[in-house]
Amino acid sequence: MSRAVFDFDNSYASLPARFFSQLAPEPVAAPQLIRLNEALAETLGLDAAALASPEGVAVLAGNAVPEGAASIATVYAGHQFGHFVPQLGDGRAWLLGEVVGRDGVRYDVQLKGSGRTPYSRGGDGRAPLGPVLREYVVSEAMASLGVPTTRSLAAVASGEHVLRQQRLPGAVLTRVAQSHIRVGTFEYFAARGDTEGLERLLAHVIERHYPEARDADDPALALLERVVARQAELVARWQLLGFIHGVMNTDNMLVSGETIDFGPCAFMDGFDAAQVYSSIDHAGRYAYRNQPAIAAWNLASLASALLPLSKADSEESAVQAARERIERFEARFIAAYRDGLRRKLGLLETRDDDDALCDALLEAMQRSSADFTLTFRWLTDLAAPSADRPLAGVYELPAALTPWIDRWRARLADEPADSETRHAAMRAVNPAIIPRNHLVEQLIAAAIDEGDFGPFHRLVDALAEPYADVARAAELLAPPRPGEIVQQTFCGT
């Protein structure tokens, strides 16, 4: 391509050949650009106009391989719903290459839905349009909400159909991440007893993500400690937004601490700590309330994979040192989560009974099925110095919360900050708009049934400023009506 030049600087492809398979994507019939993330392209140092050109779209669809591309699909293993699968891998994804952005950060650029790979396990390697649109919407919303996440650079319609339960239009997503290295990547080499492969992977991850661990007495355990810290902060952010990942397998946990895989994910409407949306999570393993414990379980799997690399004096001391680092997850998570709850409630100074106050709110929300997002946004407005109530007519707080609100206001009176400062602080952490399940389903239906991408673009644009106090269409803010409630979400693989 003559104009859309990728200045590739590929590091993962320089690892031994057993880390990946070299291949080219399978071309699609008639690629058409649905949306290009111009702001992200700018961050990556890419020419957005060139990417939107026919030559650029050909690359984003997998129909052309640019000079210097890595052209690989990576291999990894993973615990899926607690059961170990010794070999998985990129079954429908192709690593275009790595670029160093204008911010100095290294990023993977990956095509998702680009055809079969050696790891497809009988699949067609393609992606239906619906899951591509869902991932674009939710991943970009997460970025705007301040959550570490993979990003979406582009969505391209393939001009072909894929067969799932029915014939569906296909698409290709261009996904960006600080890397796609997973807990399952370490598990893959550990399961094979490939210590040299583990050593190469450890050195690569430390150099790429945690260079401060390079000179530690025990680099493997130093890496583990840092991944624990990032995952504790990440899952706390999920919980504070009512986000349910839905498929927290170890192959879906990135060691970079970014959110990945938005197949069956969802944001809660009415608060329910036991909420499950994923159609394949029959036992509720990945329910909202279980996410912190599952993250710790996954990190224990990472610790097990790293043990052969520990510099500890004995296996027993290595296990004990790893256990101590895993046990720190709970304290780190609780600290981040509790601090986040206090900030959501405008409690800028800590008091002894603040945790009880927060718990009482969640209990009242659970009993009344109060909308998770709009309850906190209502409280934000209640803390405002003016009497304006932007959510009036869109949502009303359940009456069951009134006694708690009286208790909360009494606590706010003990805060030294003025109401304007408090309101601004609360508005910065309590979004007004999220990618609600029914809105995502509606935009997918419009795109598939009518070829109308207007609802998709409208929601993506609105989600770019989720915390802003601006006039919005009520239907993007409001919780679903009874007939619009989404009970299940699907992987779309």
Protein backbone atom coordinates (compact mmCIF):
# COMPACT_ATOMS: atom_id res chain seq x y z
CA MET A 1 0.00 0.00 0.00
CA SER A 2 1.48 3.28 -1.05
CA ARG A 3 0.05 5.70 1.51
CA ALA A 4 -1.01 3.79 4.64
CA VAL A 5 2.52 2.98 5.83
CA PHE A 6 2.93 0.93 8.99
CA ASP A 7 6.30 1.52 10.62
CA PHE A 8 6.50 -1.98 12.05
CA ASP A 9 8.92 -2.82 14.86
CA ASN A 10 8.09 -6.46 15.53
CA SER A 11 9.48 -8.11 18.65
CA TYR A 12 7.24 -11.13 19.29
CA ALA A 13 7.93 -12.48 15.80
CA SER A 14 11.63 -12.57 16.68
CA LEU A 15 10.97 -15.24 19.32
CA PRO A 16 11.50 -18.92 18.39
CA ALA A 17 9.23 -20.39 15.74
CA ARG A 18 7.35 -22.56 18.25
CA PHE A 19 5.76 -19.40 19.72
CA PHE A 20 3.56 -18.89 16.65
CA SER A 21 2.72 -19.96 13.12
CA GLN A 22 3.70 -17.90 10.11
CA LEU A 23 0.81 -17.42 7.71
CA ALA A 24 -1.15 -14.95 5.67
CA PRO A 25 -4.79 -14.01 6.25
CA GLU A 26 -7.49 -15.30 3.93
CA PRO A 27 -8.84 -12.54 1.65
CA VAL A 28 -12.53 -11.63 1.87
CA ALA A 29 -14.86 -11.09 -1.07
CA ALA A 30 -15.79 -7.41 -0.92
CA PRO A 31 -14.34 -5.42 2.00
CA GLN A 32 -16.17 -2.26 3.01
CA LEU A 33 -15.05 0.02 5.81
CA ILE A 34 -17.69 0.39 8.52
CA ARG A 35 -15.76 2.62 10.88
CA LEU A 36 -12.20 3.77 11.39
CA ASN A 37 -11.04 4.97 14.80
CA GLU A 38 -9.22 8.10 13.66
CA ALA A 39 -8.21 9.18 17.17
CA LEU A 40 -6.58 5.80 17.83
CA ALA A 41 -4.89 5.89 14.44
CA GLU A 42 -3.36 9.21 15.46
CA THR A 43 -2.09 7.70 18.73
CA LEU A 44 -0.50 4.87 16.76
CA GLY A 45 1.17 7.30 14.37
CA LEU A 46 -0.87 6.05 11.41
CA ASP A 47 -2.33 8.06 8.55
CA ALA A 48 -6.10 7.78 9.00
CA ALA A 49 -6.86 9.01 5.49
CA ALA A 50 -4.54 6.38 4.03
CA LEU A 51 -6.13 3.65 6.17
CA ALA A 52 -9.56 4.66 4.89
CA SER A 53 -8.40 4.45 1.27
CA PRO A 54 -9.12 1.29 -0.78
CA GLU A 55 -5.52 0.18 -0.24
CA GLY A 56 -5.81 0.72 3.49
CA VAL A 57 -9.12 -1.10 3.76
CA ALA A 58 -7.58 -4.03 1.90
CA VAL A 59 -5.00 -4.33 4.69
CA LEU A 60 -7.64 -3.97 7.42
CA ALA A 61 -9.68 -6.74 5.78
CA GLY A 62 -6.71 -9.09 5.38
CA ASN A 63 -6.72 -8.82 1.58
CA ALA A 64 -3.26 -7.25 1.43
CA VAL A 65 -0.17 -7.80 3.54
CA PRO A 66 1.83 -4.61 4.10
CA GLU A 67 5.58 -4.58 3.94
CA GLY A 68 7.20 -5.53 7.23
CA ALA A 69 4.14 -7.30 8.68
CA ALA A 70 4.74 -10.02 11.26
CA SER A 71 2.15 -12.28 9.65
CA ILE A 72 1.72 -14.66 12.60
CA ALA A 73 -0.90 -16.41 14.71
CA THR A 74 0.23 -17.04 18.27
CA VAL A 75 -0.13 -20.24 20.26
CA TYR A 76 -1.19 -20.53 23.88
CA ALA A 77 -3.03 -22.85 26.27
CA GLY A 78 -5.65 -22.07 28.89
CA HIS A 79 -8.00 -23.11 31.63
CA GLN A 80 -11.49 -22.80 30.16
CA PHE A 81 -14.17 -22.86 32.85
CA GLY A 82 -11.58 -24.49 35.11
CA HIS A 83 -10.57 -27.25 32.67
CA PHE A 84 -7.08 -27.15 31.19
CA VAL A 85 -6.70 -27.24 27.41
CA PRO A 86 -3.02 -27.72 26.56
CA GLN A 87 -3.17 -26.04 23.16
CA LEU A 88 -5.39 -23.22 22.01
CA GLY A 89 -4.11 -20.26 20.00
CA ASP A 90 -5.29 -17.58 17.61
CA GLY A 91 -7.97 -19.53 15.79
CA ARG A 92 -9.30 -16.56 13.85
CA ALA A 93 -6.77 -13.83 14.51
CA TRP A 94 -3.60 -12.75 12.74
CA LEU A 95 -0.97 -10.45 14.19
CA LEU A 96 -0.35 -7.82 11.58
CA GLY A 97 2.61 -6.47 13.52
CA GLU A 98 3.75 -4.08 16.22
CA VAL A 99 4.04 -0.32 16.09
CA VAL A 100 5.43 2.15 18.58
CA GLY A 101 2.86 4.90 19.06
CA ARG A 102 3.34 8.61 19.40
CA ASP A 103 3.08 8.04 23.16
CA GLY A 104 6.15 5.80 23.08
CA VAL A 105 4.13 2.67 23.88
CA ARG A 106 4.46 -0.51 21.81
CA TYR A 107 1.18 -1.86 20.42
CA ASP A 108 0.09 -5.04 18.67
CA VAL A 109 -2.12 -4.54 15.62
CA GLN A 110 -4.17 -7.69 15.08
CA LEU A 111 -6.84 -8.71 12.57
CA LYS A 112 -9.70 -10.69 14.12
CA GLY A 113 -11.87 -12.75 11.77
CA SER A 114 -9.15 -13.00 9.15
CA GLY A 115 -9.47 -16.71 8.36
CA ARG A 116 -8.30 -20.13 9.45
CA THR A 117 -5.04 -20.72 11.28
CA PRO A 118 -3.40 -23.92 12.55
CA TYR A 119 -5.22 -23.25 15.84
CA SER A 120 -8.75 -22.97 14.44
CA ARG A 121 -9.73 -26.45 15.71
CA GLY A 122 -12.18 -26.97 12.87
CA GLY A 123 -13.57 -23.43 12.91
CA ASP A 124 -13.87 -21.23 9.85
CA GLY A 125 -11.64 -18.48 11.24
CA ARG A 126 -14.22 -15.85 10.46
CA ALA A 127 -16.19 -13.43 12.63
CA PRO A 128 -19.87 -12.53 12.29
CA LEU A 129 -20.72 -8.86 12.01
CA GLY A 130 -22.58 -8.74 15.33
CA PRO A 131 -19.66 -9.70 17.60
CA VAL A 132 -17.36 -7.33 15.70
CA LEU A 133 -19.72 -4.43 16.31
CA ARG A 134 -20.15 -5.46 19.96
CA GLU A 135 -16.40 -5.56 20.55
CA TYR A 136 -15.90 -2.22 18.83
CA VAL A 137 -18.59 -0.56 20.94
CA VAL A 138 -17.66 -2.06 24.29
CA SER A 139 -13.87 -1.91 23.99
CA GLU A 140 -13.99 1.76 23.00
CA ALA A 141 -16.46 2.46 25.80
CA MET A 142 -14.09 0.83 28.26
CA ALA A 143 -11.26 3.03 27.01
CA SER A 144 -13.39 6.15 27.47
CA LEU A 145 -14.37 4.94 30.94
CA GLY A 146 -10.69 4.78 31.87
CA VAL A 147 -10.44 0.99 32.03
CA PRO A 148 -7.27 -0.66 30.65
CA THR A 149 -8.46 -2.46 27.55
CA THR A 150 -7.74 -3.67 24.09
CA ARG A 151 -8.93 -1.15 21.51
CA SER A 152 -10.70 -1.22 18.15
CA LEU A 153 -8.96 0.49 15.26
CA ALA A 154 -11.39 -0.49 12.51
CA ALA A 155 -14.38 -2.61 11.59
CA VAL A 156 -14.67 -3.84 8.00
CA ALA A 157 -17.57 -5.72 6.45
CA SER A 158 -16.30 -8.74 4.54
CA GLY A 159 -18.99 -8.97 1.85
CA GLU A 160 -19.34 -12.65 2.79
CA HIS A 161 -21.56 -14.67 5.09
CA VAL A 162 -20.52 -16.98 7.92
CA LEU A 163 -22.53 -19.94 9.12
CA ARG A 164 -23.37 -20.16 12.80
CA GLN A 165 -26.90 -21.19 13.75
CA GLN A 166 -27.82 -19.23 10.65
CA ARG A 167 -26.14 -17.38 7.80
CA LEU A 168 -24.81 -14.07 9.09
CA PRO A 169 -22.86 -11.28 7.43
CA GLY A 170 -19.17 -11.39 8.23
CA ALA A 171 -16.69 -8.73 9.31
CA VAL A 172 -13.08 -8.22 10.36
CA LEU A 173 -12.04 -6.25 13.44
CA THR A 174 -8.65 -4.61 13.76
CA ARG A 175 -7.75 -4.94 17.43
CA VAL A 176 -4.99 -3.06 19.22
CA ALA A 177 -3.35 -4.10 22.49
CA GLN A 178 -0.15 -3.41 24.37
CA SER A 179 0.35 -7.12 23.74
CA HIS A 180 -1.74 -10.26 23.33
CA ILE A 181 0.37 -12.32 25.74
CA ARG A 182 -1.88 -14.25 28.09
CA VAL A 183 -1.64 -16.24 31.27
CA GLY A 184 -2.34 -19.13 28.92
CA THR A 185 0.80 -18.31 26.92
CA PHE A 186 2.90 -19.12 29.96
CA GLU A 187 0.76 -22.18 30.65
CA TYR A 188 1.44 -23.49 27.14
CA PHE A 189 5.20 -23.71 27.63
CA ALA A 190 4.94 -24.86 31.25
CA ALA A 191 2.65 -27.75 30.26
CA ARG A 192 5.29 -28.92 27.79
CA GLY A 193 8.13 -28.67 30.25
CA ASP A 194 9.71 -26.16 27.88
CA THR A 195 11.82 -24.22 30.37
CA GLU A 196 13.81 -22.49 27.66
CA GLY A 197 10.58 -21.28 26.08
CA LEU A 198 9.38 -20.02 29.46
CA GLU A 199 12.64 -18.18 29.95
CA ARG A 200 12.37 -16.50 26.56
CA LEU A 201 8.75 -15.54 27.23
CA LEU A 202 9.56 -14.19 30.69
CA ALA A 203 12.39 -12.05 29.33
CA HIS A 204 10.15 -10.74 26.56
CA VAL A 205 7.29 -9.82 28.89
CA ILE A 206 9.59 -8.14 31.39
CA GLU A 207 11.28 -6.12 28.66
CA ARG A 208 7.95 -5.14 27.12
CA HIS A 209 5.74 -4.53 30.15
CA TYR A 210 7.68 -4.62 33.42
CA PRO A 211 11.29 -3.51 32.83
CA GLU A 212 11.64 -2.64 36.52
CA ALA A 213 11.51 -6.39 37.25
CA ARG A 214 14.58 -7.07 35.11
CA ASP A 215 17.10 -6.60 37.90
CA ALA A 216 15.03 -8.14 40.70
CA ASP A 217 16.54 -10.96 42.75
CA ASP A 218 13.81 -13.25 41.39
CA PRO A 219 12.48 -11.82 38.08
CA ALA A 220 9.76 -14.47 37.71
CA LEU A 221 8.26 -13.66 41.11
CA ALA A 222 8.74 -9.94 40.48
CA LEU A 223 6.72 -10.31 37.30
CA LEU A 224 4.02 -12.25 39.15
CA GLU A 225 3.76 -9.54 41.80
CA ARG A 226 3.29 -6.84 39.16
CA VAL A 227 0.70 -8.79 37.20
CA VAL A 228 -1.20 -9.38 40.47
CA ALA A 229 -1.22 -5.65 41.15
CA ARG A 230 -2.49 -4.76 37.67
CA GLN A 231 -5.20 -7.40 37.69
CA ALA A 232 -6.42 -6.33 41.13
CA GLU A 233 -6.81 -2.76 39.89
CA LEU A 234 -8.44 -3.91 36.64
CA VAL A 235 -11.08 -6.12 38.25
CA ALA A 236 -11.84 -3.41 40.81
CA ARG A 237 -12.60 -1.07 37.91
CA TRP A 238 -14.88 -3.67 36.36
CA GLN A 239 -16.80 -4.06 39.62
CA LEU A 240 -17.16 -0.30 40.07
CA LEU A 241 -18.82 -0.03 36.65
CA GLY A 242 -21.06 -3.10 36.93
CA PHE A 243 -19.14 -4.79 34.11
CA ILE A 244 -19.35 -8.57 33.73
CA HIS A 245 -16.69 -10.09 31.50
CA GLY A 246 -18.47 -13.39 31.09
CA VAL A 247 -15.60 -15.66 30.05
CA MET A 248 -12.65 -15.18 32.42
CA ASN A 249 -10.62 -18.13 31.19
CA THR A 250 -6.85 -17.95 31.64
CA ASP A 251 -6.46 -17.54 27.88
CA ASN A 252 -8.52 -14.35 28.22
CA MET A 253 -6.31 -12.75 30.89
CA LEU A 254 -3.57 -10.57 29.45
CA VAL A 255 -0.39 -10.17 31.49
CA SER A 256 -0.38 -6.51 30.44
CA GLY A 257 -3.46 -5.93 32.60
CA GLU A 258 -5.80 -5.02 29.74
CA THR A 259 -9.37 -6.25 29.27
CA ILE A 260 -9.68 -8.62 26.31
CA ASP A 261 -12.42 -10.68 24.66
CA PHE A 262 -15.79 -8.94 24.66
CA GLY A 263 -17.86 -11.85 23.34
CA PRO A 264 -20.46 -12.46 26.09
CA CYS A 265 -19.64 -9.39 28.20
CA ALA A 266 -22.33 -7.08 29.55
CA PHE A 267 -22.95 -4.13 31.84
CA MET A 268 -25.56 -4.73 34.50
CA ASP A 269 -28.86 -2.89 34.40
CA GLY A 270 -30.58 -3.67 37.72
CA PHE A 271 -28.00 -4.50 40.38
CA ASP A 272 -27.66 -8.18 41.21
CA ALA A 273 -24.40 -9.48 42.62
CA ALA A 274 -25.19 -12.95 41.23
CA GLN A 275 -25.83 -11.63 37.71
CA VAL A 276 -24.73 -13.85 34.82
CA TYR A 277 -25.33 -13.07 31.15
CA SER A 278 -23.10 -15.46 29.23
CA SER A 279 -25.10 -18.27 27.63
CA ILE A 280 -22.25 -20.75 28.18
CA ASP A 281 -21.72 -19.97 31.87
CA HIS A 282 -24.31 -22.45 33.08
CA ALA A 283 -23.01 -22.71 36.66
CA GLY A 284 -22.40 -18.99 37.16
CA ARG A 285 -18.64 -19.44 37.52
CA TYR A 286 -18.04 -15.96 36.09
CA ALA A 287 -20.91 -14.13 37.79
CA TYR A 288 -20.33 -10.51 38.78
CA ARG A 289 -19.62 -11.30 42.43
CA ASN A 290 -17.17 -14.08 41.50
CA GLN A 291 -14.90 -12.03 39.27
CA PRO A 292 -12.32 -11.08 41.95
CA ALA A 293 -11.95 -14.69 43.14
CA ILE A 294 -11.67 -15.96 39.56
CA ALA A 295 -8.96 -13.41 38.82
CA ALA A 296 -7.00 -14.70 41.83
CA TRP A 297 -7.54 -18.29 40.61
CA ASN A 298 -6.16 -17.35 37.19
CA LEU A 299 -3.17 -15.67 38.78
CA ALA A 300 -2.47 -18.85 40.74
CA SER A 301 -2.32 -20.63 37.37
CA LEU A 302 0.23 -18.06 36.22
CA ALA A 303 2.22 -18.63 39.40
CA SER A 304 2.28 -22.38 38.77
CA ALA A 305 3.59 -21.81 35.25
CA LEU A 306 6.33 -19.47 36.51
CA LEU A 307 7.60 -21.72 39.33
CA PRO A 308 10.26 -23.45 37.20
CA LEU A 309 11.87 -20.03 36.66
CA SER A 310 12.01 -18.96 40.31
CA LYS A 311 15.43 -18.32 41.84
CA ALA A 312 14.25 -19.49 45.25
CA ASP A 313 16.48 -21.92 47.17
CA SER A 314 14.00 -24.76 46.93
CA GLU A 315 10.73 -25.72 45.32
CA GLU A 316 9.03 -25.37 48.70
CA SER A 317 10.29 -21.82 49.21
CA ALA A 318 9.37 -20.92 45.61
CA VAL A 319 5.82 -22.16 46.17
CA GLN A 320 5.55 -20.23 49.43
CA ALA A 321 6.87 -17.03 47.84
CA ALA A 322 4.43 -17.37 44.94
CA ARG A 323 1.55 -18.05 47.33
CA GLU A 324 2.37 -14.91 49.29
CA ARG A 325 2.16 -12.83 46.12
CA ILE A 326 -1.16 -14.37 45.09
CA GLU A 327 -2.55 -13.71 48.55
CA ARG A 328 -1.78 -10.02 48.10
CA PHE A 329 -4.38 -9.87 45.34
CA GLU A 330 -7.29 -9.76 47.78
CA ALA A 331 -5.91 -6.85 49.80
CA ARG A 332 -4.99 -4.93 46.65
CA PHE A 333 -8.40 -5.53 45.12
CA ILE A 334 -10.30 -4.57 48.28
CA ALA A 335 -8.26 -1.38 48.67
CA ALA A 336 -8.88 -0.33 45.06
CA TYR A 337 -12.55 -1.31 45.17
CA ARG A 338 -13.31 0.35 48.51
CA ASP A 339 -11.48 3.52 47.51
CA GLY A 340 -13.45 3.55 44.25
CA LEU A 341 -16.78 3.14 46.04
CA ARG A 342 -15.99 6.02 48.36
CA ARG A 343 -15.12 8.23 45.41
CA LYS A 344 -18.35 7.25 43.64
CA LEU A 345 -20.23 8.43 46.74
CA GLY A 346 -18.31 11.68 47.08
CA LEU A 347 -16.52 10.60 50.25
CA LEU A 348 -13.22 12.34 49.72
CA GLU A 349 -11.99 11.65 53.25
CA THR A 350 -12.11 8.24 54.89
CA ARG A 351 -14.19 7.53 58.01
CA ASP A 352 -14.38 4.33 60.03
CA ASP A 353 -17.97 3.53 59.05
CA ASP A 354 -17.64 4.29 55.33
CA ASP A 355 -17.44 0.63 54.32
CA ALA A 356 -20.68 -0.09 56.18
CA LEU A 357 -22.33 2.86 54.43
CA CYS A 358 -21.22 1.57 51.02
CA ASP A 359 -22.38 -1.96 51.80
CA ALA A 360 -25.76 -0.67 52.93
CA LEU A 361 -26.25 1.06 49.59
CA LEU A 362 -25.42 -2.08 47.62
CA GLU A 363 -27.79 -4.11 49.80
CA ALA A 364 -30.60 -1.62 49.19
CA MET A 365 -29.85 -1.61 45.46
CA GLN A 366 -29.93 -5.42 45.41
CA ARG A 367 -33.30 -5.54 47.19
CA SER A 368 -34.85 -2.98 44.86
CA SER A 369 -33.05 -4.01 41.62
CA ALA A 370 -31.90 -0.40 41.32
CA ASP A 371 -30.15 0.42 38.07
CA PHE A 372 -26.42 0.23 38.77
CA THR A 373 -25.21 3.05 36.54
CA LEU A 374 -28.07 5.49 36.99
CA THR A 375 -28.27 5.09 40.76
CA PHE A 376 -24.73 6.40 41.12
CA ARG A 377 -25.38 9.10 38.54
CA TRP A 378 -28.52 10.16 40.44
CA LEU A 379 -26.47 10.43 43.61
CA THR A 380 -23.99 12.56 41.67
CA ASP A 381 -26.79 14.92 40.72
CA LEU A 382 -28.11 14.95 44.29
CA ALA A 383 -24.69 16.14 45.41
CA ALA A 384 -24.76 19.02 42.90
CA PRO A 385 -25.04 22.59 44.21
CA SER A 386 -27.95 23.29 41.84
CA ALA A 387 -31.40 21.75 41.88
CA ASP A 388 -31.11 20.49 38.29
CA ARG A 389 -31.97 16.83 37.87
CA PRO A 390 -30.89 15.77 34.35
CA LEU A 391 -32.20 12.24 34.86
CA ALA A 392 -35.72 13.31 35.78
CA GLY A 393 -38.07 11.60 33.37
CA VAL A 394 -35.39 9.08 32.40
CA TYR A 395 -35.02 7.21 35.66
CA GLU A 396 -36.18 7.58 39.24
CA LEU A 397 -34.45 6.20 42.28
CA PRO A 398 -36.42 3.44 44.05
CA ALA A 399 -38.15 4.68 47.18
CA ALA A 400 -36.41 1.94 49.12
CA LEU A 401 -33.18 3.96 48.86
CA THR A 402 -34.60 7.00 50.68
CA PRO A 403 -33.53 5.97 54.21
CA TRP A 404 -30.02 5.29 52.95
CA ILE A 405 -29.89 8.68 51.17
CA ASP A 406 -30.71 10.42 54.45
CA ARG A 407 -27.84 8.55 56.09
CA TRP A 408 -25.50 9.42 53.20
CA ARG A 409 -26.36 13.12 53.34
CA ALA A 410 -25.57 13.16 57.03
CA ARG A 411 -22.18 11.64 56.22
CA LEU A 412 -21.55 14.24 53.47
CA ALA A 413 -22.11 16.99 56.01
CA ASP A 414 -18.95 15.74 57.70
CA GLU A 415 -16.91 16.27 54.51
CA PRO A 416 -14.69 19.38 54.31
CA ALA A 417 -15.07 19.71 50.51
CA ASP A 418 -17.71 22.09 49.15
CA SER A 419 -20.59 20.75 47.08
CA GLU A 420 -19.14 21.93 43.77
CA THR A 421 -15.86 20.12 44.37
CA ARG A 422 -17.68 17.00 45.49
CA HIS A 423 -20.04 17.04 42.51
CA ALA A 424 -17.18 17.42 40.04
CA ALA A 425 -15.31 14.54 41.67
CA MET A 426 -18.35 12.27 41.57
CA ARG A 427 -19.17 13.13 37.99
CA ALA A 428 -15.66 12.10 36.99
CA VAL A 429 -16.22 8.51 38.19
CA ASN A 430 -19.97 7.95 37.67
CA PRO A 431 -20.83 7.66 33.98
CA ALA A 432 -24.15 8.76 32.61
CA ILE A 433 -24.01 6.44 29.64
CA ILE A 434 -22.75 2.89 29.16
CA PRO A 435 -23.13 0.40 26.28
CA ARG A 436 -26.35 -1.09 27.57
CA ASN A 437 -27.13 -4.59 26.41
CA HIS A 438 -30.38 -3.72 24.69
CA LEU A 439 -28.78 -0.84 22.80
CA VAL A 440 -26.00 -3.10 21.58
CA GLU A 441 -28.53 -5.71 20.48
CA GLN A 442 -30.59 -3.07 18.70
CA LEU A 443 -27.65 -1.66 16.76
CA ILE A 444 -26.58 -5.17 15.74
CA ALA A 445 -30.09 -5.95 14.52
CA ALA A 446 -30.23 -2.70 12.55
CA ALA A 447 -26.90 -3.47 10.88
CA ILE A 448 -27.74 -7.10 10.06
CA ASP A 449 -31.41 -6.77 9.14
CA GLU A 450 -31.42 -3.39 7.45
CA GLY A 451 -27.80 -2.60 6.65
CA ASP A 452 -28.22 0.47 8.85
CA PHE A 453 -25.09 1.42 10.79
CA GLY A 454 -26.54 4.68 12.07
CA PRO A 455 -27.36 3.32 15.57
CA PHE A 456 -23.84 1.86 15.81
CA HIS A 457 -22.17 5.16 14.97
CA ARG A 458 -24.51 7.09 17.22
CA LEU A 459 -23.75 4.95 20.26
CA VAL A 460 -19.99 4.91 19.63
CA ASP A 461 -20.01 8.70 19.35
CA ALA A 462 -22.03 9.10 22.56
CA LEU A 463 -19.80 6.70 24.49
CA ALA A 464 -16.72 8.77 23.69
CA GLU A 465 -17.74 11.06 26.57
CA PRO A 466 -19.49 8.80 29.08
CA TYR A 467 -18.97 11.15 32.05
CA ALA A 468 -19.93 14.39 30.34
CA ASP A 469 -22.93 16.33 31.64
CA VAL A 470 -24.38 17.13 28.24
CA ALA A 471 -27.82 16.88 26.71
CA ARG A 472 -28.37 13.37 25.40
CA ALA A 473 -31.21 11.49 23.87
CA ALA A 474 -33.13 9.84 26.68
CA GLU A 475 -33.16 6.46 24.94
CA LEU A 476 -29.35 6.21 25.23
CA LEU A 477 -29.48 6.87 28.97
CA ALA A 478 -32.55 4.98 30.09
CA PRO A 479 -32.57 1.41 31.34
CA PRO A 480 -34.38 -1.11 29.14
CA ARG A 481 -38.14 -1.37 29.16
CA PRO A 482 -39.44 -4.80 30.22
CA GLY A 483 -39.60 -6.06 26.64
CA GLU A 484 -36.06 -4.88 25.92
CA ILE A 485 -34.25 -6.62 28.78
CA VAL A 486 -31.41 -8.85 27.55
CA GLN A 487 -31.20 -12.07 29.54
CA GLN A 488 -28.29 -13.74 27.73
CA THR A 489 -25.22 -12.78 25.73
CA PHE A 490 -23.27 -15.00 23.34
CA CYS A 491 -19.65 -15.55 22.39
CA GLY A 492 -20.19 -15.32 18.63
CA THR A 493 -17.27 -17.65 17.84
